[in-house]
């Protein structure tokens, strides 16, 4: 069961990175950030907005690692995939 937890936590980390990269693609296309918190971070920090984004990803990863309920971890990982899927839909809609 521990390897499943490790795999899910790794997947959460990879989804955070995929969200960051897909958001960068959206921004390079001239579109904006829909998440008001990340939009505020982009306004305040400029190109360094990725620091709070990655910080949040690492906090979520750490909290997931501390959890012992694999089903709840899987639910959070599924929730973390939502922004990535949304970004991919937006990117596909621009082409």
N, C-alpha and C. Protein backbone atom coordinates (compact mmCIF):
# COMPACT_ATOMS: atom_id res chain seq x y z
N UNK A 1 0.83 -1.19 0.00
CA UNK A 1 0.00 0.00 0.00
C UNK A 1 0.87 1.25 0.00
N UNK A 2 2.07 1.19 0.58
CA UNK A 2 2.94 2.35 0.66
C UNK A 2 3.42 2.79 -0.72
N UNK A 3 3.63 1.85 -1.64
CA UNK A 3 4.06 2.23 -2.98
C UNK A 3 2.95 2.96 -3.72
N UNK A 4 1.69 2.63 -3.43
CA UNK A 4 0.57 3.33 -4.05
C UNK A 4 0.55 4.78 -3.56
N UNK A 5 0.74 4.95 -2.28
CA UNK A 5 0.79 6.30 -1.71
C UNK A 5 1.93 7.10 -2.35
N UNK A 6 3.10 6.50 -2.45
CA UNK A 6 4.24 7.17 -3.07
C UNK A 6 3.97 7.55 -4.52
N UNK A 7 3.34 6.64 -5.25
CA UNK A 7 3.01 6.91 -6.64
C UNK A 7 2.01 8.06 -6.76
N UNK A 8 1.00 8.08 -5.89
CA UNK A 8 0.01 9.15 -5.91
C UNK A 8 0.63 10.49 -5.55
N UNK A 9 1.52 10.51 -4.56
CA UNK A 9 2.17 11.76 -4.18
C UNK A 9 3.07 12.26 -5.32
N UNK A 10 3.79 11.35 -5.96
CA UNK A 10 4.59 11.73 -7.12
C UNK A 10 3.72 12.27 -8.24
N UNK A 11 2.58 11.65 -8.45
CA UNK A 11 1.64 12.12 -9.48
C UNK A 11 1.13 13.52 -9.15
N UNK A 12 0.87 13.80 -7.88
CA UNK A 12 0.43 15.14 -7.48
C UNK A 12 1.52 16.16 -7.79
N UNK A 13 2.76 15.81 -7.54
CA UNK A 13 3.88 16.70 -7.85
C UNK A 13 4.00 16.93 -9.35
N UNK A 14 3.85 15.88 -10.13
CA UNK A 14 3.92 16.00 -11.60
C UNK A 14 2.75 16.80 -12.14
N UNK A 15 1.58 16.65 -11.55
CA UNK A 15 0.43 17.45 -11.98
C UNK A 15 0.63 18.93 -11.67
N UNK A 16 1.27 19.23 -10.55
CA UNK A 16 1.60 20.62 -10.24
C UNK A 16 2.53 21.22 -11.28
N UNK A 17 3.51 20.44 -11.70
CA UNK A 17 4.44 20.89 -12.74
C UNK A 17 3.71 21.04 -14.08
N UNK A 18 2.84 20.09 -14.41
CA UNK A 18 2.08 20.17 -15.66
C UNK A 18 1.17 21.39 -15.66
N UNK A 19 0.60 21.72 -14.50
CA UNK A 19 -0.23 22.92 -14.39
C UNK A 19 0.61 24.17 -14.64
N UNK A 20 1.79 24.20 -14.07
CA UNK A 20 2.69 25.34 -14.26
C UNK A 20 3.06 25.50 -15.74
N UNK A 21 3.44 24.42 -16.37
CA UNK A 21 3.85 24.49 -17.78
C UNK A 21 2.67 24.84 -18.70
N UNK A 22 1.51 24.24 -18.46
CA UNK A 22 0.36 24.55 -19.32
C UNK A 22 -0.12 25.97 -19.10
N UNK A 23 0.01 26.49 -17.88
CA UNK A 23 -0.33 27.89 -17.63
C UNK A 23 0.64 28.80 -18.37
N UNK A 24 1.91 28.45 -18.40
CA UNK A 24 2.88 29.24 -19.15
C UNK A 24 2.56 29.27 -20.64
N UNK A 25 2.08 28.15 -21.18
CA UNK A 25 1.68 28.11 -22.59
C UNK A 25 0.49 29.04 -22.81
N UNK A 26 -0.47 29.00 -21.90
CA UNK A 26 -1.65 29.87 -22.02
C UNK A 26 -1.23 31.34 -21.96
N UNK A 27 -0.33 31.67 -21.06
CA UNK A 27 0.13 33.05 -20.95
C UNK A 27 0.90 33.48 -22.19
N UNK A 28 1.66 32.56 -22.78
CA UNK A 28 2.41 32.90 -23.99
C UNK A 28 1.47 33.10 -25.19
N UNK A 29 0.28 32.53 -25.11
CA UNK A 29 -0.71 32.72 -26.17
C UNK A 29 -1.46 34.04 -26.01
N UNK A 30 -1.16 34.77 -24.96
CA UNK A 30 -1.81 36.06 -24.74
C UNK A 30 -3.06 35.99 -23.90
N UNK A 31 -3.37 34.82 -23.38
CA UNK A 31 -4.54 34.68 -22.52
C UNK A 31 -4.12 34.92 -21.07
N UNK A 32 -5.09 34.98 -20.17
CA UNK A 32 -4.78 35.28 -18.77
C UNK A 32 -5.08 34.12 -17.85
N UNK A 33 -4.68 34.29 -16.61
CA UNK A 33 -4.91 33.30 -15.56
C UNK A 33 -6.34 33.44 -15.04
N UNK A 34 -7.05 32.33 -14.93
CA UNK A 34 -8.43 32.35 -14.43
C UNK A 34 -8.51 32.24 -12.92
N UNK A 35 -7.52 31.61 -12.29
CA UNK A 35 -7.50 31.48 -10.85
C UNK A 35 -7.17 32.84 -10.23
N UNK A 36 -8.08 33.41 -9.44
CA UNK A 36 -7.83 34.77 -8.92
C UNK A 36 -6.61 34.85 -8.01
N UNK A 37 -6.30 33.80 -7.27
CA UNK A 37 -5.13 33.83 -6.40
C UNK A 37 -3.83 33.82 -7.22
N UNK A 38 -3.77 32.99 -8.25
CA UNK A 38 -2.58 32.95 -9.08
C UNK A 38 -2.49 34.21 -9.93
N UNK A 39 -3.63 34.78 -10.32
CA UNK A 39 -3.61 36.05 -11.05
C UNK A 39 -3.02 37.16 -10.18
N UNK A 40 -3.41 37.16 -8.91
CA UNK A 40 -2.85 38.12 -7.96
C UNK A 40 -1.35 37.89 -7.78
N UNK A 41 -0.93 36.63 -7.70
CA UNK A 41 0.49 36.31 -7.58
C UNK A 41 1.25 36.79 -8.82
N UNK A 42 0.65 36.62 -10.00
CA UNK A 42 1.30 37.08 -11.22
C UNK A 42 1.40 38.60 -11.24
N UNK A 43 0.39 39.28 -10.73
CA UNK A 43 0.41 40.74 -10.68
C UNK A 43 1.47 41.23 -9.70
N UNK A 44 1.54 40.62 -8.53
CA UNK A 44 2.48 41.06 -7.50
C UNK A 44 3.92 40.67 -7.80
N UNK A 45 4.13 39.43 -8.26
CA UNK A 45 5.48 38.90 -8.39
C UNK A 45 6.04 38.93 -9.81
N UNK A 46 5.22 39.24 -10.78
CA UNK A 46 5.69 39.26 -12.16
C UNK A 46 6.13 37.87 -12.61
N UNK A 47 7.34 37.80 -13.18
CA UNK A 47 7.83 36.51 -13.68
C UNK A 47 8.11 35.52 -12.55
N UNK A 48 8.18 36.00 -11.32
CA UNK A 48 8.46 35.13 -10.17
C UNK A 48 7.18 34.54 -9.58
N UNK A 49 6.06 34.63 -10.30
CA UNK A 49 4.79 34.09 -9.79
C UNK A 49 4.87 32.59 -9.59
N UNK A 50 5.82 31.95 -10.27
CA UNK A 50 5.93 30.49 -10.14
C UNK A 50 6.41 30.06 -8.76
N UNK A 51 7.02 30.97 -7.99
CA UNK A 51 7.49 30.62 -6.65
C UNK A 51 6.31 30.27 -5.74
N UNK A 52 5.27 31.12 -5.63
CA UNK A 52 4.13 30.70 -4.80
C UNK A 52 3.39 29.50 -5.39
N UNK A 53 3.38 29.39 -6.71
CA UNK A 53 2.72 28.25 -7.35
C UNK A 53 3.42 26.94 -6.98
N UNK A 54 4.73 26.92 -7.11
CA UNK A 54 5.48 25.72 -6.74
C UNK A 54 5.46 25.49 -5.24
N UNK A 55 5.46 26.58 -4.47
CA UNK A 55 5.37 26.45 -3.02
C UNK A 55 4.08 25.77 -2.61
N UNK A 56 2.98 26.16 -3.24
CA UNK A 56 1.69 25.53 -2.95
C UNK A 56 1.71 24.06 -3.36
N UNK A 57 2.33 23.76 -4.49
CA UNK A 57 2.44 22.37 -4.93
C UNK A 57 3.22 21.54 -3.92
N UNK A 58 4.31 22.08 -3.40
CA UNK A 58 5.11 21.34 -2.43
C UNK A 58 4.38 21.18 -1.09
N UNK A 59 3.60 22.19 -0.69
CA UNK A 59 2.81 22.07 0.54
C UNK A 59 1.76 20.97 0.39
N UNK A 60 1.07 20.95 -0.74
CA UNK A 60 0.07 19.90 -0.98
C UNK A 60 0.73 18.53 -1.00
N UNK A 61 1.88 18.43 -1.65
CA UNK A 61 2.60 17.16 -1.70
C UNK A 61 3.00 16.70 -0.30
N UNK A 62 3.50 17.62 0.52
CA UNK A 62 3.90 17.28 1.88
C UNK A 62 2.70 16.83 2.70
N UNK A 63 1.56 17.54 2.57
CA UNK A 63 0.36 17.15 3.31
C UNK A 63 -0.14 15.77 2.87
N UNK A 64 -0.07 15.51 1.57
CA UNK A 64 -0.49 14.19 1.09
C UNK A 64 0.42 13.10 1.63
N UNK A 65 1.72 13.37 1.70
CA UNK A 65 2.65 12.37 2.21
C UNK A 65 2.37 12.07 3.68
N UNK A 66 1.91 13.05 4.42
CA UNK A 66 1.62 12.85 5.85
C UNK A 66 0.32 12.08 6.07
N UNK A 67 -0.54 12.05 5.07
CA UNK A 67 -1.82 11.36 5.21
C UNK A 67 -1.63 9.85 5.13
N UNK A 68 -2.48 9.13 5.81
CA UNK A 68 -2.44 7.67 5.76
C UNK A 68 -3.61 7.06 5.00
N UNK A 69 -4.52 7.90 4.53
CA UNK A 69 -5.71 7.43 3.83
C UNK A 69 -5.47 7.53 2.32
N UNK A 70 -5.19 6.40 1.70
CA UNK A 70 -4.87 6.37 0.27
C UNK A 70 -6.04 6.84 -0.59
N UNK A 71 -7.24 6.56 -0.15
CA UNK A 71 -8.42 6.98 -0.93
C UNK A 71 -8.56 8.49 -0.94
N UNK A 72 -8.30 9.14 0.19
CA UNK A 72 -8.34 10.60 0.22
C UNK A 72 -7.20 11.19 -0.60
N UNK A 73 -6.05 10.57 -0.56
CA UNK A 73 -4.93 11.03 -1.38
C UNK A 73 -5.30 10.95 -2.85
N UNK A 74 -5.91 9.84 -3.26
CA UNK A 74 -6.32 9.67 -4.65
C UNK A 74 -7.36 10.72 -5.05
N UNK A 75 -8.25 11.05 -4.13
CA UNK A 75 -9.26 12.08 -4.41
C UNK A 75 -8.61 13.44 -4.63
N UNK A 76 -7.64 13.79 -3.81
CA UNK A 76 -6.94 15.06 -3.96
C UNK A 76 -6.14 15.08 -5.26
N UNK A 77 -5.51 13.98 -5.61
CA UNK A 77 -4.75 13.91 -6.86
C UNK A 77 -5.70 14.07 -8.05
N UNK A 78 -6.86 13.46 -7.99
CA UNK A 78 -7.85 13.63 -9.06
C UNK A 78 -8.28 15.10 -9.15
N UNK A 79 -8.45 15.74 -8.01
CA UNK A 79 -8.82 17.15 -8.00
C UNK A 79 -7.69 18.00 -8.58
N UNK A 80 -6.45 17.63 -8.31
CA UNK A 80 -5.29 18.37 -8.84
C UNK A 80 -5.18 18.23 -10.37
N UNK A 81 -5.78 17.22 -10.93
CA UNK A 81 -5.73 17.06 -12.39
C UNK A 81 -6.70 18.01 -13.10
N UNK A 82 -7.66 18.54 -12.39
CA UNK A 82 -8.67 19.40 -13.00
C UNK A 82 -8.09 20.64 -13.67
N UNK A 83 -7.20 21.41 -13.00
CA UNK A 83 -6.64 22.58 -13.70
C UNK A 83 -5.81 22.22 -14.92
N UNK A 84 -5.12 21.11 -14.87
CA UNK A 84 -4.31 20.69 -16.02
C UNK A 84 -5.23 20.35 -17.19
N UNK A 85 -6.28 19.60 -16.92
CA UNK A 85 -7.23 19.26 -18.00
C UNK A 85 -7.88 20.52 -18.56
N UNK A 86 -8.25 21.45 -17.69
CA UNK A 86 -8.86 22.70 -18.13
C UNK A 86 -7.88 23.49 -19.01
N UNK A 87 -6.62 23.55 -18.59
CA UNK A 87 -5.62 24.26 -19.39
C UNK A 87 -5.44 23.61 -20.75
N UNK A 88 -5.45 22.30 -20.80
CA UNK A 88 -5.31 21.60 -22.09
C UNK A 88 -6.50 21.87 -23.00
N UNK A 89 -7.68 21.95 -22.44
CA UNK A 89 -8.86 22.29 -23.24
C UNK A 89 -8.74 23.70 -23.80
N UNK A 90 -8.28 24.64 -22.97
CA UNK A 90 -8.10 26.01 -23.41
C UNK A 90 -7.05 26.09 -24.51
N UNK A 91 -5.95 25.38 -24.32
CA UNK A 91 -4.89 25.39 -25.35
C UNK A 91 -5.40 24.78 -26.64
N UNK A 92 -6.14 23.68 -26.55
CA UNK A 92 -6.67 23.04 -27.77
C UNK A 92 -7.68 23.95 -28.46
N UNK A 93 -8.40 24.74 -27.70
CA UNK A 93 -9.39 25.65 -28.29
C UNK A 93 -8.78 26.82 -29.01
N UNK A 94 -7.53 27.13 -28.76
CA UNK A 94 -6.88 28.25 -29.43
C UNK A 94 -6.29 27.85 -30.76
N UNK A 95 -6.15 26.57 -31.02
CA UNK A 95 -5.53 26.12 -32.27
C UNK A 95 -6.54 25.89 -33.35
